[in-house]
PDB file of all heavy atoms in Angstrom:
ATOM      1  N   GLU A   1       0.834  -1.209   0.000  1.00  0.00           N
ATOM      2  CA  GLU A   1       0.000   0.000   0.000  1.00  0.00           C
ATOM      3  C   GLU A   1       0.865   1.253   0.000  1.00  0.00           C
ATOM      4  O   GLU A   1       0.578   2.228  -0.716  1.00  0.00           O
ATOM      5  CB  GLU A   1      -0.920  -0.017   1.215  1.00  0.00           C
ATOM      6  CG  GLU A   1      -1.774   1.231   1.372  1.00  0.00           C
ATOM      7  CD  GLU A   1      -2.499   1.261   2.711  1.00  0.00           C
ATOM      8  OE1 GLU A   1      -2.825   0.175   3.246  1.00  0.00           O
ATOM      9  OE2 GLU A   1      -2.723   2.371   3.229  1.00  0.00           O
ATOM     10  N   ILE A   2       1.925   1.240   0.784  1.00  0.00           N
ATOM     11  CA  ILE A   2       2.828   2.391   0.863  1.00  0.00           C
ATOM     12  C   ILE A   2       3.504   2.634  -0.485  1.00  0.00           C
ATOM     13  O   ILE A   2       3.588   3.771  -0.957  1.00  0.00           O
ATOM     14  CB  ILE A   2       3.866   2.170   1.987  1.00  0.00           C
ATOM     15  CG1 ILE A   2       3.150   2.178   3.344  1.00  0.00           C
ATOM     16  CG2 ILE A   2       4.956   3.232   1.943  1.00  0.00           C
ATOM     17  CD1 ILE A   2       3.978   1.688   4.500  1.00  0.00           C
ATOM     18  N   GLU A   3       3.950   1.548  -1.119  1.00  0.00           N
ATOM     19  CA  GLU A   3       4.580   1.670  -2.444  1.00  0.00           C
ATOM     20  C   GLU A   3       3.574   2.146  -3.489  1.00  0.00           C
ATOM     21  O   GLU A   3       3.893   2.966  -4.365  1.00  0.00           O
ATOM     22  CB  GLU A   3       5.170   0.319  -2.859  1.00  0.00           C
ATOM     23  CG  GLU A   3       5.903   0.372  -4.203  1.00  0.00           C
ATOM     24  CD  GLU A   3       6.490  -0.974  -4.609  1.00  0.00           C
ATOM     25  OE1 GLU A   3       6.494  -1.903  -3.767  1.00  0.00           O
ATOM     26  OE2 GLU A   3       6.941  -1.102  -5.774  1.00  0.00           O
ATOM     27  N   PHE A   4       2.348   1.654  -3.391  1.00  0.00           N
ATOM     28  CA  PHE A   4       1.283   2.035  -4.312  1.00  0.00           C
ATOM     29  C   PHE A   4       1.035   3.536  -4.281  1.00  0.00           C
ATOM     30  O   PHE A   4       0.938   4.196  -5.329  1.00  0.00           O
ATOM     31  CB  PHE A   4       0.012   1.268  -3.931  1.00  0.00           C
ATOM     32  CG  PHE A   4      -1.222   1.648  -4.705  1.00  0.00           C
ATOM     33  CD1 PHE A   4      -1.429   1.174  -5.993  1.00  0.00           C
ATOM     34  CD2 PHE A   4      -2.199   2.464  -4.132  1.00  0.00           C
ATOM     35  CE1 PHE A   4      -2.581   1.512  -6.697  1.00  0.00           C
ATOM     36  CE2 PHE A   4      -3.342   2.806  -4.831  1.00  0.00           C
ATOM     37  CZ  PHE A   4      -3.536   2.325  -6.115  1.00  0.00           C
ATOM     38  N   LEU A   5       0.950   4.106  -3.086  1.00  0.00           N
ATOM     39  CA  LEU A   5       0.677   5.536  -2.949  1.00  0.00           C
ATOM     40  C   LEU A   5       1.892   6.392  -3.296  1.00  0.00           C
ATOM     41  O   LEU A   5       1.755   7.480  -3.860  1.00  0.00           O
ATOM     42  CB  LEU A   5       0.213   5.850  -1.529  1.00  0.00           C
ATOM     43  CG  LEU A   5      -1.175   5.363  -1.142  1.00  0.00           C
ATOM     44  CD1 LEU A   5      -1.432   5.597   0.342  1.00  0.00           C
ATOM     45  CD2 LEU A   5      -2.253   6.044  -1.972  1.00  0.00           C
ATOM     46  N   ALA A   6       3.073   5.894  -2.960  1.00  0.00           N
ATOM     47  CA  ALA A   6       4.291   6.683  -3.182  1.00  0.00           C
ATOM     48  C   ALA A   6       4.719   6.691  -4.648  1.00  0.00           C
ATOM     49  O   ALA A   6       5.082   7.731  -5.198  1.00  0.00           O
ATOM     50  CB  ALA A   6       5.419   6.148  -2.307  1.00  0.00           C
ATOM     51  N   LYS A   7       4.645   5.499  -5.283  1.00  0.00           N
ATOM     52  CA  LYS A   7       5.210   5.364  -6.629  1.00  0.00           C
ATOM     53  C   LYS A   7       4.250   4.796  -7.672  1.00  0.00           C
ATOM     54  O   LYS A   7       4.544   4.848  -8.873  1.00  0.00           O
ATOM     55  CB  LYS A   7       6.448   4.462  -6.572  1.00  0.00           C
ATOM     56  CG  LYS A   7       7.539   4.943  -5.628  1.00  0.00           C
ATOM     57  CD  LYS A   7       8.670   3.921  -5.562  1.00  0.00           C
ATOM     58  CE  LYS A   7       9.742   4.331  -4.576  1.00  0.00           C
ATOM     59  NZ  LYS A   7      10.811   3.295  -4.464  1.00  0.00           N
ATOM     60  N   GLY A   8       3.157   4.197  -7.244  1.00  0.00           N
ATOM     61  CA  GLY A   8       2.240   3.564  -8.190  1.00  0.00           C
ATOM     62  C   GLY A   8       2.767   2.255  -8.735  1.00  0.00           C
ATOM     63  O   GLY A   8       2.330   1.795  -9.797  1.00  0.00           O
ATOM     64  N   THR A   9       3.694   1.647  -7.993  1.00  0.00           N
ATOM     65  CA  THR A   9       4.286   0.379  -8.442  1.00  0.00           C
ATOM     66  C   THR A   9       3.985  -0.721  -7.420  1.00  0.00           C
ATOM     67  O   THR A   9       3.344  -0.487  -6.402  1.00  0.00           O
ATOM     68  CB  THR A   9       5.808   0.522  -8.604  1.00  0.00           C
ATOM     69  OG1 THR A   9       6.371   1.001  -7.361  1.00  0.00           O
ATOM     70  CG2 THR A   9       6.144   1.516  -9.697  1.00  0.00           C
ATOM     71  N   GLY A  10       4.465  -1.925  -7.729  1.00  0.00           N
ATOM     72  CA  GLY A  10       4.288  -3.035  -6.809  1.00  0.00           C
ATOM     73  C   GLY A  10       3.130  -3.946  -7.192  1.00  0.00           C
ATOM     74  O   GLY A  10       2.570  -3.851  -8.294  1.00  0.00           O
ATOM     75  N   SER A  11       2.738  -4.810  -6.271  1.00  0.00           N
ATOM     76  CA  SER A  11       1.735  -5.834  -6.576  1.00  0.00           C
ATOM     77  C   SER A  11       0.309  -5.272  -6.624  1.00  0.00           C
ATOM     78  O   SER A  11      -0.545  -5.811  -7.325  1.00  0.00           O
ATOM     79  CB  SER A  11       1.800  -6.959  -5.535  1.00  0.00           C
ATOM     80  OG  SER A  11       1.484  -6.474  -4.247  1.00  0.00           O
ATOM     81  N   LEU A  12       0.027  -4.205  -5.897  1.00  0.00           N
ATOM     82  CA  LEU A  12      -1.350  -3.703  -5.845  1.00  0.00           C
ATOM     83  C   LEU A  12      -1.856  -3.166  -7.185  1.00  0.00           C
ATOM     84  O   LEU A  12      -2.964  -3.535  -7.606  1.00  0.00           O
ATOM     85  CB  LEU A  12      -1.495  -2.632  -4.760  1.00  0.00           C
ATOM     86  CG  LEU A  12      -1.784  -3.164  -3.351  1.00  0.00           C
ATOM     87  CD1 LEU A  12      -1.783  -2.031  -2.344  1.00  0.00           C
ATOM     88  CD2 LEU A  12      -3.121  -3.895  -3.313  1.00  0.00           C
ATOM     89  N   PRO A  13      -1.114  -2.303  -7.905  1.00  0.00           N
ATOM     90  CA  PRO A  13      -1.644  -1.836  -9.194  1.00  0.00           C
ATOM     91  C   PRO A  13      -1.838  -2.968 -10.188  1.00  0.00           C
ATOM     92  O   PRO A  13      -2.816  -2.969 -10.960  1.00  0.00           O
ATOM     93  CB  PRO A  13      -0.600  -0.825  -9.673  1.00  0.00           C
ATOM     94  CG  PRO A  13       0.616  -1.054  -8.857  1.00  0.00           C
ATOM     95  CD  PRO A  13       0.137  -1.606  -7.557  1.00  0.00           C
ATOM     96  N   ALA A  14      -0.945  -3.950 -10.158  1.00  0.00           N
ATOM     97  CA  ALA A  14      -1.103  -5.107 -11.053  1.00  0.00           C
ATOM     98  C   ALA A  14      -2.378  -5.879 -10.717  1.00  0.00           C
ATOM     99  O   ALA A  14      -3.134  -6.287 -11.607  1.00  0.00           O
ATOM    100  CB  ALA A  14       0.116  -6.018 -10.933  1.00  0.00           C
ATOM    101  N   PHE A  15      -2.618  -6.062  -9.413  1.00  0.00           N
ATOM    102  CA  PHE A  15      -3.826  -6.752  -8.962  1.00  0.00           C
ATOM    103  C   PHE A  15      -5.080  -5.973  -9.350  1.00  0.00           C
ATOM    104  O   PHE A  15      -6.061  -6.542  -9.851  1.00  0.00           O
ATOM    105  CB  PHE A  15      -3.758  -6.937  -7.447  1.00  0.00           C
ATOM    106  CG  PHE A  15      -5.058  -7.324  -6.794  1.00  0.00           C
ATOM    107  CD1 PHE A  15      -5.620  -8.569  -7.009  1.00  0.00           C
ATOM    108  CD2 PHE A  15      -5.727  -6.424  -5.963  1.00  0.00           C
ATOM    109  CE1 PHE A  15      -6.818  -8.928  -6.406  1.00  0.00           C
ATOM    110  CE2 PHE A  15      -6.922  -6.776  -5.354  1.00  0.00           C
ATOM    111  CZ  PHE A  15      -7.467  -8.030  -5.578  1.00  0.00           C
ATOM    112  N   LEU A  16      -5.066  -4.664  -9.139  1.00  0.00           N
ATOM    113  CA  LEU A  16      -6.231  -3.840  -9.438  1.00  0.00           C
ATOM    114  C   LEU A  16      -6.532  -3.798 -10.937  1.00  0.00           C
ATOM    115  O   LEU A  16      -7.692  -3.755 -11.348  1.00  0.00           O
ATOM    116  CB  LEU A  16      -6.020  -2.426  -8.892  1.00  0.00           C
ATOM    117  CG  LEU A  16      -5.985  -2.322  -7.358  1.00  0.00           C
ATOM    118  CD1 LEU A  16      -5.489  -0.949  -6.932  1.00  0.00           C
ATOM    119  CD2 LEU A  16      -7.359  -2.602  -6.767  1.00  0.00           C
ATOM    120  N   LYS A  17      -5.476  -3.825 -11.747  1.00  0.00           N
ATOM    121  CA  LYS A  17      -5.681  -3.888 -13.205  1.00  0.00           C
ATOM    122  C   LYS A  17      -6.282  -5.231 -13.601  1.00  0.00           C
ATOM    123  O   LYS A  17      -7.147  -5.308 -14.480  1.00  0.00           O
ATOM    124  CB  LYS A  17      -4.354  -3.658 -13.931  1.00  0.00           C
ATOM    125  CG  LYS A  17      -3.882  -2.211 -13.897  1.00  0.00           C
ATOM    126  CD  LYS A  17      -2.502  -2.047 -14.523  1.00  0.00           C
ATOM    127  CE  LYS A  17      -2.019  -0.608 -14.403  1.00  0.00           C
ATOM    128  NZ  LYS A  17      -0.634  -0.441 -14.912  1.00  0.00           N
ATOM    129  N   GLN A  18      -5.828  -6.269 -12.939  1.00  0.00           N
ATOM    130  CA  GLN A  18      -6.311  -7.616 -13.239  1.00  0.00           C
ATOM    131  C   GLN A  18      -7.815  -7.738 -12.984  1.00  0.00           C
ATOM    132  O   GLN A  18      -8.536  -8.402 -13.738  1.00  0.00           O
ATOM    133  CB  GLN A  18      -5.557  -8.641 -12.399  1.00  0.00           C
ATOM    134  CG  GLN A  18      -5.873 -10.095 -12.739  1.00  0.00           C
ATOM    135  CD  GLN A  18      -5.009 -11.057 -11.939  1.00  0.00           C
ATOM    136  OE1 GLN A  18      -4.077 -10.662 -11.248  1.00  0.00           O
ATOM    137  NE2 GLN A  18      -5.326 -12.340 -12.026  1.00  0.00           N
ATOM    138  N   ILE A  19      -8.306  -7.081 -11.940  1.00  0.00           N
ATOM    139  CA  ILE A  19      -9.738  -7.155 -11.632  1.00  0.00           C
ATOM    140  C   ILE A  19     -10.501  -5.941 -12.182  1.00  0.00           C
ATOM    141  O   ILE A  19     -11.668  -5.735 -11.875  1.00  0.00           O
ATOM    142  CB  ILE A  19      -9.974  -7.282 -10.115  1.00  0.00           C
ATOM    143  CG1 ILE A  19      -9.457  -6.052  -9.365  1.00  0.00           C
ATOM    144  CG2 ILE A  19      -9.352  -8.564  -9.569  1.00  0.00           C
ATOM    145  CD1 ILE A  19      -9.834  -6.028  -7.887  1.00  0.00           C
ATOM    146  N   ARG A  20      -9.815  -5.130 -12.987  1.00  0.00           N
ATOM    147  CA  ARG A  20     -10.401  -3.971 -13.663  1.00  0.00           C
ATOM    148  C   ARG A  20     -11.017  -2.976 -12.677  1.00  0.00           C
ATOM    149  O   ARG A  20     -12.123  -2.472 -12.873  1.00  0.00           O
ATOM    150  CB  ARG A  20     -11.452  -4.420 -14.674  1.00  0.00           C
ATOM    151  CG  ARG A  20     -10.875  -5.311 -15.767  1.00  0.00           C
ATOM    152  CD  ARG A  20     -11.918  -5.740 -16.754  1.00  0.00           C
ATOM    153  NE  ARG A  20     -11.346  -6.595 -17.789  1.00  0.00           N
ATOM    154  CZ  ARG A  20     -12.053  -7.148 -18.779  1.00  0.00           C
ATOM    155  NH1 ARG A  20     -13.350  -6.914 -18.864  1.00  0.00           N
ATOM    156  NH2 ARG A  20     -11.463  -7.918 -19.674  1.00  0.00           N
ATOM    157  N   ALA A  21     -10.273  -2.699 -11.622  1.00  0.00           N
ATOM    158  CA  ALA A  21     -10.775  -1.809 -10.572  1.00  0.00           C
ATOM    159  C   ALA A  21     -10.086  -0.459 -10.551  1.00  0.00           C
ATOM    160  O   ALA A  21     -10.474   0.417  -9.786  1.00  0.00           O
ATOM    161  CB  ALA A  21     -10.613  -2.479  -9.210  1.00  0.00           C
ATOM    162  N   ILE A  22      -9.079  -0.269 -11.402  1.00  0.00           N
ATOM    163  CA  ILE A  22      -8.322   0.974 -11.380  1.00  0.00           C
ATOM    164  C   ILE A  22      -8.405   1.659 -12.743  1.00  0.00           C
ATOM    165  O   ILE A  22      -8.245   1.016 -13.788  1.00  0.00           O
ATOM    166  CB  ILE A  22      -6.844   0.702 -10.990  1.00  0.00           C
ATOM    167  CG1 ILE A  22      -6.091   2.010 -10.753  1.00  0.00           C
ATOM    168  CG2 ILE A  22      -6.137  -0.168 -12.018  1.00  0.00           C
ATOM    169  CD1 ILE A  22      -4.726   1.803 -10.109  1.00  0.00           C
ATOM    170  N   PRO A  23      -8.700   2.964 -12.774  1.00  0.00           N
ATOM    171  CA  PRO A  23      -8.770   3.674 -14.057  1.00  0.00           C
ATOM    172  C   PRO A  23      -7.410   3.682 -14.764  1.00  0.00           C
ATOM    173  O   PRO A  23      -6.363   3.684 -14.110  1.00  0.00           O
ATOM    174  CB  PRO A  23      -9.178   5.099 -13.652  1.00  0.00           C
ATOM    175  CG  PRO A  23      -9.753   4.983 -12.280  1.00  0.00           C
ATOM    176  CD  PRO A  23      -9.043   3.835 -11.643  1.00  0.00           C
ATOM    177  N   ASP A  24      -7.446   3.702 -16.084  1.00  0.00           N
ATOM    178  CA  ASP A  24      -6.200   3.689 -16.868  1.00  0.00           C
ATOM    179  C   ASP A  24      -5.334   4.908 -16.592  1.00  0.00           C
ATOM    180  O   ASP A  24      -4.104   4.846 -16.672  1.00  0.00           O
ATOM    181  CB  ASP A  24      -6.523   3.616 -18.365  1.00  0.00           C
ATOM    182  CG  ASP A  24      -7.149   2.278 -18.751  1.00  0.00           C
ATOM    183  OD1 ASP A  24      -6.903   1.281 -18.042  1.00  0.00           O
ATOM    184  OD2 ASP A  24      -7.890   2.237 -19.758  1.00  0.00           O
ATOM    185  N   ASN A  25      -5.973   6.030 -16.282  1.00  0.00           N
ATOM    186  CA  ASN A  25      -5.223   7.277 -16.081  1.00  0.00           C
ATOM    187  C   ASN A  25      -4.873   7.546 -14.611  1.00  0.00           C
ATOM    188  O   ASN A  25      -4.479   8.658 -14.255  1.00  0.00           O
ATOM    189  CB  ASN A  25      -6.010   8.463 -16.645  1.00  0.00           C
ATOM    190  CG  ASN A  25      -7.354   8.659 -15.954  1.00  0.00           C
ATOM    191  OD1 ASN A  25      -7.801   7.786 -15.195  1.00  0.00           O
ATOM    192  ND2 ASN A  25      -8.004   9.786 -16.222  1.00  0.00           N
ATOM    193  N   TRP A  26      -5.035   6.530 -13.742  1.00  0.00           N
ATOM    194  CA  TRP A  26      -4.728   6.734 -12.325  1.00  0.00           C
ATOM    195  C   TRP A  26      -3.250   7.035 -12.142  1.00  0.00           C
ATOM    196  O   TRP A  26      -2.395   6.410 -12.754  1.00  0.00           O
ATOM    197  CB  TRP A  26      -5.105   5.491 -11.512  1.00  0.00           C
ATOM    198  CG  TRP A  26      -4.910   5.676 -10.030  1.00  0.00           C
ATOM    199  CD1 TRP A  26      -5.810   6.180  -9.152  1.00  0.00           C
ATOM    200  CD2 TRP A  26      -3.735   5.386  -9.277  1.00  0.00           C
ATOM    201  NE1 TRP A  26      -5.273   6.222  -7.884  1.00  0.00           N
ATOM    202  CE2 TRP A  26      -3.989   5.740  -7.926  1.00  0.00           C
ATOM    203  CE3 TRP A  26      -2.474   4.855  -9.600  1.00  0.00           C
ATOM    204  CZ2 TRP A  26      -3.051   5.582  -6.915  1.00  0.00           C
ATOM    205  CZ3 TRP A  26      -1.539   4.711  -8.587  1.00  0.00           C
ATOM    206  CH2 TRP A  26      -1.835   5.066  -7.264  1.00  0.00           C
ATOM    207  N   GLN A  27      -2.955   7.992 -11.263  1.00  0.00           N
ATOM    208  CA  GLN A  27      -1.566   8.351 -10.975  1.00  0.00           C
ATOM    209  C   GLN A  27      -1.334   8.335  -9.469  1.00  0.00           C
ATOM    210  O   GLN A  27      -2.197   8.768  -8.689  1.00  0.00           O
ATOM    211  CB  GLN A  27      -1.241   9.739 -11.533  1.00  0.00           C
ATOM    212  CG  GLN A  27      -1.178   9.786 -13.061  1.00  0.00           C
ATOM    213  CD  GLN A  27      -0.697  11.127 -13.569  1.00  0.00           C
ATOM    214  OE1 GLN A  27      -0.868  12.144 -12.909  1.00  0.00           O
ATOM    215  NE2 GLN A  27      -0.080  11.137 -14.744  1.00  0.00           N
ATOM    216  N   ALA A  28      -0.174   7.866  -9.077  1.00  0.00           N
ATOM    217  CA  ALA A  28       0.170   7.818  -7.655  1.00  0.00           C
ATOM    218  C   ALA A  28       0.277   9.234  -7.092  1.00  0.00           C
ATOM    219  O   ALA A  28       0.871  10.112  -7.737  1.00  0.00           O
ATOM    220  CB  ALA A  28       1.490   7.082  -7.460  1.00  0.00           C
ATOM    221  N   PRO A  29      -0.277   9.483  -5.909  1.00  0.00           N
ATOM    222  CA  PRO A  29      -0.205  10.834  -5.328  1.00  0.00           C
ATOM    223  C   PRO A  29       1.168  11.201  -4.796  1.00  0.00           C
ATOM    224  O   PRO A  29       1.438  12.371  -4.524  1.00  0.00           O
ATOM    225  CB  PRO A  29      -1.230  10.779  -4.188  1.00  0.00           C
ATOM    226  CG  PRO A  29      -1.305   9.337  -3.814  1.00  0.00           C
ATOM    227  CD  PRO A  29      -1.088   8.570  -5.094  1.00  0.00           C
ATOM    228  N   GLY A  30       2.054  10.203  -4.643  1.00  0.00           N
ATOM    229  CA  GLY A  30       3.389  10.490  -4.121  1.00  0.00           C
ATOM    230  C   GLY A  30       3.379  10.881  -2.650  1.00  0.00           C
ATOM    231  O   GLY A  30       4.170  11.737  -2.222  1.00  0.00           O
ATOM    232  N   LEU A  31       2.494  10.256  -1.868  1.00  0.00           N
ATOM    233  CA  LEU A  31       2.333  10.589  -0.460  1.00  0.00           C
ATOM    234  C   LEU A  31       2.385   9.336   0.409  1.00  0.00           C
ATOM    235  O   LEU A  31       2.202   8.221  -0.069  1.00  0.00           O
ATOM    236  CB  LEU A  31       0.976  11.281  -0.233  1.00  0.00           C
ATOM    237  CG  LEU A  31       0.723  12.591  -0.981  1.00  0.00           C
ATOM    238  CD1 LEU A  31      -0.740  12.995  -0.858  1.00  0.00           C
ATOM    239  CD2 LEU A  31       1.635  13.704  -0.440  1.00  0.00           C
ATOM    240  N   THR A  32       2.613   9.538   1.693  1.00  0.00           N
ATOM    241  CA  THR A  32       2.458   8.422   2.624  1.00  0.00           C
ATOM    242  C   THR A  32       0.958   8.229   2.883  1.00  0.00           C
ATOM    243  O   THR A  32       0.150   9.129   2.591  1.00  0.00           O
ATOM    244  CB  THR A  32       3.155   8.709   3.962  1.00  0.00           C
ATOM    245  OG1 THR A  32       2.447   9.772   4.634  1.00  0.00           O
ATOM    246  CG2 THR A  32       4.609   9.087   3.772  1.00  0.00           C
ATOM    247  N   PRO A  33       0.557   7.086   3.435  1.00  0.00           N
ATOM    248  CA  PRO A  33      -0.877   6.865   3.671  1.00  0.00           C
ATOM    249  C   PRO A  33      -1.554   7.944   4.514  1.00  0.00           C
ATOM    250  O   PRO A  33      -2.647   8.406   4.176  1.00  0.00           O
ATOM    251  CB  PRO A  33      -0.893   5.505   4.379  1.00  0.00           C
ATOM    252  CG  PRO A  33       0.286   4.784   3.822  1.00  0.00           C
ATOM    253  CD  PRO A  33       1.340   5.847   3.678  1.00  0.00           C
ATOM    254  N   ILE A  34      -0.926   8.370   5.601  1.00  0.00           N
ATOM    255  CA  ILE A  34      -1.549   9.375   6.464  1.00  0.00           C
ATOM    256  C   ILE A  34      -1.541  10.748   5.805  1.00  0.00           C
ATOM    257  O   ILE A  34      -2.507  11.525   5.934  1.00  0.00           O
ATOM    258  CB  ILE A  34      -0.865   9.421   7.848  1.00  0.00           C
ATOM    259  CG1 ILE A  34      -1.060   8.081   8.572  1.00  0.00           C
ATOM    260  CG2 ILE A  34      -1.412  10.562   8.693  1.00  0.00           C
ATOM    261  CD1 ILE A  34      -2.501   7.693   8.842  1.00  0.00           C
ATOM    262  N   GLN A  35      -0.494  11.064   5.052  1.00  0.00           N
ATOM    263  CA  GLN A  35      -0.489  12.309   4.282  1.00  0.00           C
ATOM    264  C   GLN A  35      -1.659  12.322   3.292  1.00  0.00           C
ATOM    265  O   GLN A  35      -2.336  13.335   3.122  1.00  0.00           O
ATOM    266  CB  GLN A  35       0.831  12.463   3.518  1.00  0.00           C
ATOM    267  CG  GLN A  35       2.021  12.837   4.373  1.00  0.00           C
ATOM    268  CD  GLN A  35       3.326  12.821   3.571  1.00  0.00           C
ATOM    269  OE1 GLN A  35       3.428  12.147   2.532  1.00  0.00           O
ATOM    270  NE2 GLN A  35       4.326  13.544   4.057  1.00  0.00           N
ATOM    271  N   TYR A  36      -1.880  11.188   2.667  1.00  0.00           N
ATOM    272  CA  TYR A  36      -2.963  11.063   1.695  1.00  0.00           C
ATOM    273  C   TYR A  36      -4.323  11.278   2.371  1.00  0.00           C
ATOM    274  O   TYR A  36      -5.159  12.046   1.880  1.00  0.00           O
ATOM    275  CB  TYR A  36      -2.904   9.682   1.043  1.00  0.00           C
ATOM    276  CG  TYR A  36      -3.972   9.430   0.002  1.00  0.00           C
ATOM    277  CD1 TYR A  36      -3.895  10.029  -1.252  1.00  0.00           C
ATOM    278  CD2 TYR A  36      -5.040   8.581   0.267  1.00  0.00           C
ATOM    279  CE1 TYR A  36      -4.874   9.794  -2.211  1.00  0.00           C
ATOM    280  CE2 TYR A  36      -6.011   8.333  -0.687  1.00  0.00           C
ATOM    281  CZ  TYR A  36      -5.925   8.949  -1.920  1.00  0.00           C
ATOM    282  OH  TYR A  36      -6.896   8.716  -2.863  1.00  0.00           O
ATOM    283  N   LEU A  37      -4.537  10.619   3.515  1.00  0.00           N
ATOM    284  CA  LEU A  37      -5.798  10.799   4.236  1.00  0.00           C
ATOM    285  C   LEU A  37      -5.985  12.250   4.657  1.00  0.00           C
ATOM    286  O   LEU A  37      -7.096  12.789   4.599  1.00  0.00           O
ATOM    287  CB  LEU A  37      -5.833   9.910   5.482  1.00  0.00           C
ATOM    288  CG  LEU A  37      -6.123   8.426   5.310  1.00  0.00           C
ATOM    289  CD1 LEU A  37      -6.355   7.787   6.674  1.00  0.00           C
ATOM    290  CD2 LEU A  37      -7.320   8.172   4.399  1.00  0.00           C
ATOM    291  N   ASN A  38      -4.912  12.870   5.075  1.00  0.00           N
ATOM    292  CA  ASN A  38      -4.992  14.265   5.511  1.00  0.00           C
ATOM    293  C   ASN A  38      -5.446  15.168   4.375  1.00  0.00           C
ATOM    294  O   ASN A  38      -6.241  16.099   4.584  1.00  0.00           O
ATOM    295  CB  ASN A  38      -3.628  14.718   6.045  1.00  0.00           C
ATOM    296  CG  ASN A  38      -3.734  15.875   7.013  1.00  0.00           C
ATOM    297  OD1 ASN A  38      -4.773  16.083   7.652  1.00  0.00           O
ATOM    298  ND2 ASN A  38      -2.668  16.648   7.139  1.00  0.00           N
ATOM    299  N   GLU A  39      -4.986  14.886   3.177  1.00  0.00           N
ATOM    300  CA  GLU A  39      -5.382  15.684   2.012  1.00  0.00           C
ATOM    301  C   GLU A  39      -6.852  15.504   1.655  1.00  0.00           C
ATOM    302  O   GLU A  39      -7.475  16.395   1.093  1.00  0.00           O
ATOM    303  CB  GLU A  39      -4.503  15.344   0.801  1.00  0.00           C
ATOM    304  CG  GLU A  39      -3.125  15.969   0.849  1.00  0.00           C
ATOM    305  CD  GLU A  39      -2.534  16.189  -0.541  1.00  0.00           C
ATOM    306  OE1 GLU A  39      -3.149  15.758  -1.540  1.00  0.00           O
ATOM    307  OE2 GLU A  39      -1.447  16.798  -0.621  1.00  0.00           O
ATOM    308  N   THR A  40      -7.411  14.338   1.973  1.00  0.00           N
ATOM    309  CA  THR A  40      -8.824  14.083   1.640  1.00  0.00           C
ATOM    310  C   THR A  40      -9.772  14.781   2.619  1.00  0.00           C
ATOM    311  O   THR A  40     -10.966  14.887   2.346  1.00  0.00           O
ATOM    312  CB  THR A  40      -9.150  12.578   1.662  1.00  0.00           C
ATOM    313  OG1 THR A  40      -9.099  12.106   3.019  1.00  0.00           O
ATOM    314  CG2 THR A  40      -8.203  11.788   0.795  1.00  0.00           C
ATOM    315  N   GLY A  41      -9.253  15.232   3.755  1.00  0.00           N
ATOM    316  CA  GLY A  41     -10.096  15.886   4.750  1.00  0.00           C
ATOM    317  C   GLY A  41     -10.719  14.940   5.748  1.00  0.00           C
ATOM    318  O   GLY A  41     -11.437  15.360   6.664  1.00  0.00           O
ATOM    319  N   ILE A  42     -10.460  13.659   5.611  1.00  0.00           N
ATOM    320  CA  ILE A  42     -11.154  12.699   6.467  1.00  0.00           C
ATOM    321  C   ILE A  42     -10.645  12.704   7.906  1.00  0.00           C
ATOM    322  O   ILE A  42     -11.361  12.310   8.833  1.00  0.00           O
ATOM    323  CB  ILE A  42     -11.092  11.281   5.842  1.00  0.00           C
ATOM    324  CG1 ILE A  42     -12.327  10.491   6.260  1.00  0.00           C
ATOM    325  CG2 ILE A  42      -9.816  10.544   6.224  1.00  0.00           C
ATOM    326  CD1 ILE A  42     -12.665   9.347   5.356  1.00  0.00           C
ATOM    327  N   LEU A  43      -9.426  13.190   8.111  1.00  0.00           N
ATOM    328  CA  LEU A  43      -8.885  13.190   9.467  1.00  0.00           C
ATOM    329  C   LEU A  43      -9.603  14.176  10.382  1.00  0.00           C
ATOM    330  O   LEU A  43      -9.556  14.031  11.610  1.00  0.00           O
ATOM    331  CB  LEU A  43      -7.381  13.491   9.448  1.00  0.00           C
ATOM    332  CG  LEU A  43      -6.475  12.397   8.884  1.00  0.00           C
ATOM    333  CD1 LEU A  43      -5.014  12.801   9.022  1.00  0.00           C
ATOM    334  CD2 LEU A  43      -6.722  11.054   9.565  1.00  0.00           C
ATOM    335  N   ARG A  44     -10.299  15.163   9.824  1.00  0.00           N
ATOM    336  CA  ARG A  44     -11.019  16.104  10.689  1.00  0.00           C
ATOM    337  C   ARG A  44     -12.246  15.458  11.329  1.00  0.00           C
ATOM    338  O   ARG A  44     -12.858  16.027  12.232  1.00  0.00           O
ATOM    339  CB  ARG A  44     -11.426  17.352   9.905  1.00  0.00           C
ATOM    340  CG  ARG A  44     -12.511  17.144   8.870  1.00  0.00           C
ATOM    341  CD  ARG A  44     -12.945  18.467   8.276  1.00  0.00           C
ATOM    342  NE  ARG A  44     -13.937  18.290   7.223  1.00  0.00           N
ATOM    343  CZ  ARG A  44     -14.702  19.264   6.750  1.00  0.00           C
ATOM    344  NH1 ARG A  44     -14.589  20.482   7.239  1.00  0.00           N
ATOM    345  NH2 ARG A  44     -15.572  19.021   5.786  1.00  0.00           N
ATOM    346  N   ASN A  45     -12.609  14.261  10.857  1.00  0.00           N
ATOM    347  CA  ASN A  45     -13.738  13.523  11.432  1.00  0.00           C
ATOM    348  C   ASN A  45     -13.342  12.682  12.642  1.00  0.00           C
ATOM    349  O   ASN A  45     -14.162  11.910  13.138  1.00  0.00           O
ATOM    350  CB  ASN A  45     -14.353  12.607  10.363  1.00  0.00           C
ATOM    351  CG  ASN A  45     -15.014  13.380   9.241  1.00  0.00           C
ATOM    352  OD1 ASN A  45     -15.996  14.071   9.440  1.00  0.00           O
ATOM    353  ND2 ASN A  45     -14.446  13.278   8.053  1.00  0.00           N
ATOM    354  N   HIS A  46     -12.094  12.803  13.097  1.00  0.00           N
ATOM    355  CA  HIS A  46     -11.582  11.963  14.192  1.00  0.00           C
ATOM    356  C   HIS A  46     -11.875  10.486  13.912  1.00  0.00           C
ATOM    357  O   HIS A  46     -12.499   9.796  14.731  1.00  0.00           O
ATOM    358  CB  HIS A  46     -12.196  12.373  15.536  1.00  0.00           C
ATOM    359  CG  HIS A  46     -12.159  13.841  15.801  1.00  0.00           C
ATOM    360  ND1 HIS A  46     -10.977  14.555  15.861  1.00  0.00           N
ATOM    361  CD2 HIS A  46     -13.153  14.748  16.001  1.00  0.00           C
ATOM    362  CE1 HIS A  46     -11.247  15.830  16.098  1.00  0.00           C
ATOM    363  NE2 HIS A  46     -12.550  15.971  16.183  1.00  0.00           N
ATOM    364  N   PRO A  47     -11.429   9.990  12.765  1.00  0.00           N
ATOM    365  CA  PRO A  47     -11.816   8.637  12.353  1.00  0.00           C
ATOM    366  C   PRO A  47     -11.125   7.546  13.164  1.00  0.00           C
ATOM    367  O   PRO A  47     -10.173   7.799  13.912  1.00  0.00           O
ATOM    368  CB  PRO A  47     -11.350   8.576  10.894  1.00  0.00           C
ATOM    369  CG  PRO A  47     -10.148   9.479  10.874  1.00  0.00           C
ATOM    370  CD  PRO A  47     -10.503  10.608  11.809  1.00  0.00           C
TER     371      PRO A  47
END
């Protein structure tokens, strides 16, 4: 998961392509998981 978000590489994108769950134009945000959540605004919900 960390590699997926940071670089868009590894086993997860291959798996998601295999099950047709990821858009062709998807790009890695280049963030850590918590940085990514923080950008979505979800952390303000005290999740």
